[in-house]
Every structure is written in C-alpha cells, then in structure tokens.
Amino acid sequence: MAKIKKVPMRKCIGCGTNKPKKDLIRIVKNKEGEIFLDKTGKKNGRGAYICFNEECLEKAIKSKALNRAFEMEIRDETYNELINSLKQD
C-alpha cells in the first residue's frame, strides 16, 4: 500500500480558508521587525499566509489580522509595499 504524502495546509489570514501551503503566499516578520512577502516560503521569521489576491490582503489589513499575527502595529507604508509586491506577481 502506497503511503499518501500529507499536504501541508495553511489558513489565509484574509478570507480564513484553509488551502495547501503552495497555493498561498507567505508574509514574514524578521528579527529586525521588517515585514515583506516571502515568495520562497523559506525565509527566517514569523510567517502568516495569504491568498494570491489583493482582496484577501485588503481584508487582512482592514481587520488588522497582520497586526495580530505579528503582535505589532503595522505602518501604512508597509501595507502599501505588500500590496505593490503582490501586484507584481
């Protein structure tokens, strides 16, 4: 009997749906407190996951989900950078 490989699932902090990790993009807060998109999913730091669309990111911003995930107040410039880097994909 073949062993079925378990697919790692993560929850989008925007819409709240569970999806396979590879279908989401990771947002990272590193030790210096910088917040950025991690396209590789391998960078060090605390991560939160979001769908590959702007609506989910905007929902996460409105509900302050990123502030809760990273336990800090996030500046508008950081949100704008996240939106811009998401648009580039």
C-alpha atoms as a PDB file:
ATOM      1  CA  MET A   1       0.000   0.000   0.000  1.00  0.00           C
ATOM      2  CA  ALA A   2       1.464   3.337  -1.070  1.00  0.00           C
ATOM      3  CA  LYS A   3       1.865   5.938   1.625  1.00  0.00           C
ATOM      4  CA  ILE A   4      -0.004   9.143   0.834  1.00  0.00           C
ATOM      5  CA  LYS A   5       2.109  12.232   1.372  1.00  0.00           C
ATOM      6  CA  LYS A   6       0.427  14.719   3.686  1.00  0.00           C
ATOM      7  CA  VAL A   7      -0.116  18.132   2.068  1.00  0.00           C
ATOM      8  CA  PRO A   8       0.753  20.971   4.474  1.00  0.00           C
ATOM      9  CA  MET A   9      -2.301  23.192   4.889  1.00  0.00           C
ATOM     10  CA  ARG A  10      -2.315  26.839   5.963  1.00  0.00           C
ATOM     11  CA  LYS A  11      -5.093  29.334   6.672  1.00  0.00           C
ATOM     12  CA  CYS A  12      -5.355  32.614   4.758  1.00  0.00           C
ATOM     13  CA  ILE A  13      -5.487  35.447   7.293  1.00  0.00           C
ATOM     14  CA  GLY A  14      -7.648  37.461   4.866  1.00  0.00           C
ATOM     15  CA  CYS A  15     -10.531  35.160   3.961  1.00  0.00           C
ATOM     16  CA  GLY A  16      -9.925  32.416   6.541  1.00  0.00           C
ATOM     17  CA  THR A  17      -9.989  29.471   4.121  1.00  0.00           C
ATOM     18  CA  ASN A  18      -7.630  26.525   4.538  1.00  0.00           C
ATOM     19  CA  LYS A  19      -5.562  25.841   1.432  1.00  0.00           C
ATOM     20  CA  PRO A  20      -2.426  23.878   0.554  1.00  0.00           C
ATOM     21  CA  LYS A  21       0.658  25.847   1.586  1.00  0.00           C
ATOM     22  CA  LYS A  22       1.891  26.101  -2.025  1.00  0.00           C
ATOM     23  CA  ASP A  23      -1.336  27.909  -3.040  1.00  0.00           C
ATOM     24  CA  LEU A  24      -0.704  30.737  -0.568  1.00  0.00           C
ATOM     25  CA  ILE A  25       1.968  33.419  -0.299  1.00  0.00           C
ATOM     26  CA  ARG A  26       3.874  33.924   2.955  1.00  0.00           C
ATOM     27  CA  ILE A  27       4.276  37.274   4.685  1.00  0.00           C
ATOM     28  CA  VAL A  28       7.261  37.334   7.052  1.00  0.00           C
ATOM     29  CA  LYS A  29       8.311  39.462  10.006  1.00  0.00           C
ATOM     30  CA  ASN A  30      12.050  39.030  10.632  1.00  0.00           C
ATOM     31  CA  LYS A  31      14.051  39.703  13.807  1.00  0.00           C
ATOM     32  CA  GLU A  32      14.596  43.332  12.751  1.00  0.00           C
ATOM     33  CA  GLY A  33      10.820  43.843  12.593  1.00  0.00           C
ATOM     34  CA  GLU A  34      10.762  44.152   8.796  1.00  0.00           C
ATOM     35  CA  ILE A  35       7.664  42.799   7.080  1.00  0.00           C
ATOM     36  CA  PHE A  36       7.798  41.555   3.483  1.00  0.00           C
ATOM     37  CA  LEU A  37       6.464  38.929   1.068  1.00  0.00           C
ATOM     38  CA  ASP A  38       8.432  35.700   1.052  1.00  0.00           C
ATOM     39  CA  LYS A  39       7.947  34.110  -2.354  1.00  0.00           C
ATOM     40  CA  THR A  40      10.193  31.135  -1.478  1.00  0.00           C
ATOM     41  CA  GLY A  41       8.412  30.359   1.812  1.00  0.00           C
ATOM     42  CA  LYS A  42      11.813  29.612   3.371  1.00  0.00           C
ATOM     43  CA  LYS A  43      12.974  32.903   4.923  1.00  0.00           C
ATOM     44  CA  ASN A  44      13.554  33.101   8.671  1.00  0.00           C
ATOM     45  CA  GLY A  45      10.993  34.822  10.837  1.00  0.00           C
ATOM     46  CA  ARG A  46       7.362  34.627  11.869  1.00  0.00           C
ATOM     47  CA  GLY A  47       5.075  33.922   8.945  1.00  0.00           C
ATOM     48  CA  ALA A  48       1.453  34.496   8.058  1.00  0.00           C
ATOM     49  CA  TYR A  49      -0.197  33.200   4.901  1.00  0.00           C
ATOM     50  CA  ILE A  50      -2.482  34.929   2.414  1.00  0.00           C
ATOM     51  CA  CYS A  51      -4.158  34.057  -0.906  1.00  0.00           C
ATOM     52  CA  PHE A  52      -2.571  35.313  -4.133  1.00  0.00           C
ATOM     53  CA  ASN A  53      -5.089  38.134  -4.496  1.00  0.00           C
ATOM     54  CA  GLU A  54      -5.411  41.721  -3.380  1.00  0.00           C
ATOM     55  CA  GLU A  55      -8.872  41.299  -1.853  1.00  0.00           C
ATOM     56  CA  CYS A  56      -7.570  38.920   0.817  1.00  0.00           C
ATOM     57  CA  LEU A  57      -4.679  41.256   1.633  1.00  0.00           C
ATOM     58  CA  GLU A  58      -7.092  44.189   1.899  1.00  0.00           C
ATOM     59  CA  LYS A  59      -9.400  42.154   4.174  1.00  0.00           C
ATOM     60  CA  ALA A  60      -6.402  41.294   6.371  1.00  0.00           C
ATOM     61  CA  ILE A  61      -5.443  44.987   6.522  1.00  0.00           C
ATOM     62  CA  LYS A  62      -8.997  46.130   7.370  1.00  0.00           C
ATOM     63  CA  SER A  63      -9.427  43.503  10.091  1.00  0.00           C
ATOM     64  CA  LYS A  64      -5.904  44.171  11.431  1.00  0.00           C
ATOM     65  CA  ALA A  65      -5.150  40.430  11.085  1.00  0.00           C
ATOM     66  CA  LEU A  66      -1.475  41.124  10.320  1.00  0.00           C
ATOM     67  CA  ASN A  67      -1.178  43.284  13.444  1.00  0.00           C
ATOM     68  CA  ARG A  68      -2.453  40.343  15.499  1.00  0.00           C
ATOM     69  CA  ALA A  69      -0.337  37.746  13.665  1.00  0.00           C
ATOM     70  CA  PHE A  70       2.864  39.728  14.208  1.00  0.00           C
ATOM     71  CA  GLU A  71       1.856  41.244  17.574  1.00  0.00           C
ATOM     72  CA  MET A  72       2.766  44.779  16.493  1.00  0.00           C
ATOM     73  CA  GLU A  73       1.301  47.887  14.882  1.00  0.00           C
ATOM     74  CA  ILE A  74       1.984  47.859  11.143  1.00  0.00           C
ATOM     75  CA  ARG A  75       2.560  51.127   9.287  1.00  0.00           C
ATOM     76  CA  ASP A  76       0.587  52.099   6.168  1.00  0.00           C
ATOM     77  CA  GLU A  77       3.827  52.237   4.126  1.00  0.00           C
ATOM     78  CA  THR A  78       4.427  48.555   4.927  1.00  0.00           C
ATOM     79  CA  TYR A  79       0.896  47.670   3.777  1.00  0.00           C
ATOM     80  CA  ASN A  80       1.442  49.635   0.547  1.00  0.00           C
ATOM     81  CA  GLU A  81       4.714  47.773  -0.083  1.00  0.00           C
ATOM     82  CA  LEU A  82       2.942  44.432   0.437  1.00  0.00           C
ATOM     83  CA  ILE A  83       0.142  45.412  -1.983  1.00  0.00           C
ATOM     84  CA  ASN A  84       2.671  46.589  -4.606  1.00  0.00           C
ATOM     85  CA  SER A  85       4.786  43.439  -4.364  1.00  0.00           C
ATOM     86  CA  LEU A  86       1.623  41.299  -4.629  1.00  0.00           C
ATOM     87  CA  LYS A  87       0.589  43.209  -7.800  1.00  0.00           C
ATOM     88  CA  GLN A  88       3.974  42.461  -9.396  1.00  0.00           C
ATOM     89  CA  ASP A  89       3.318  38.705  -9.434  1.00  0.00           C
END
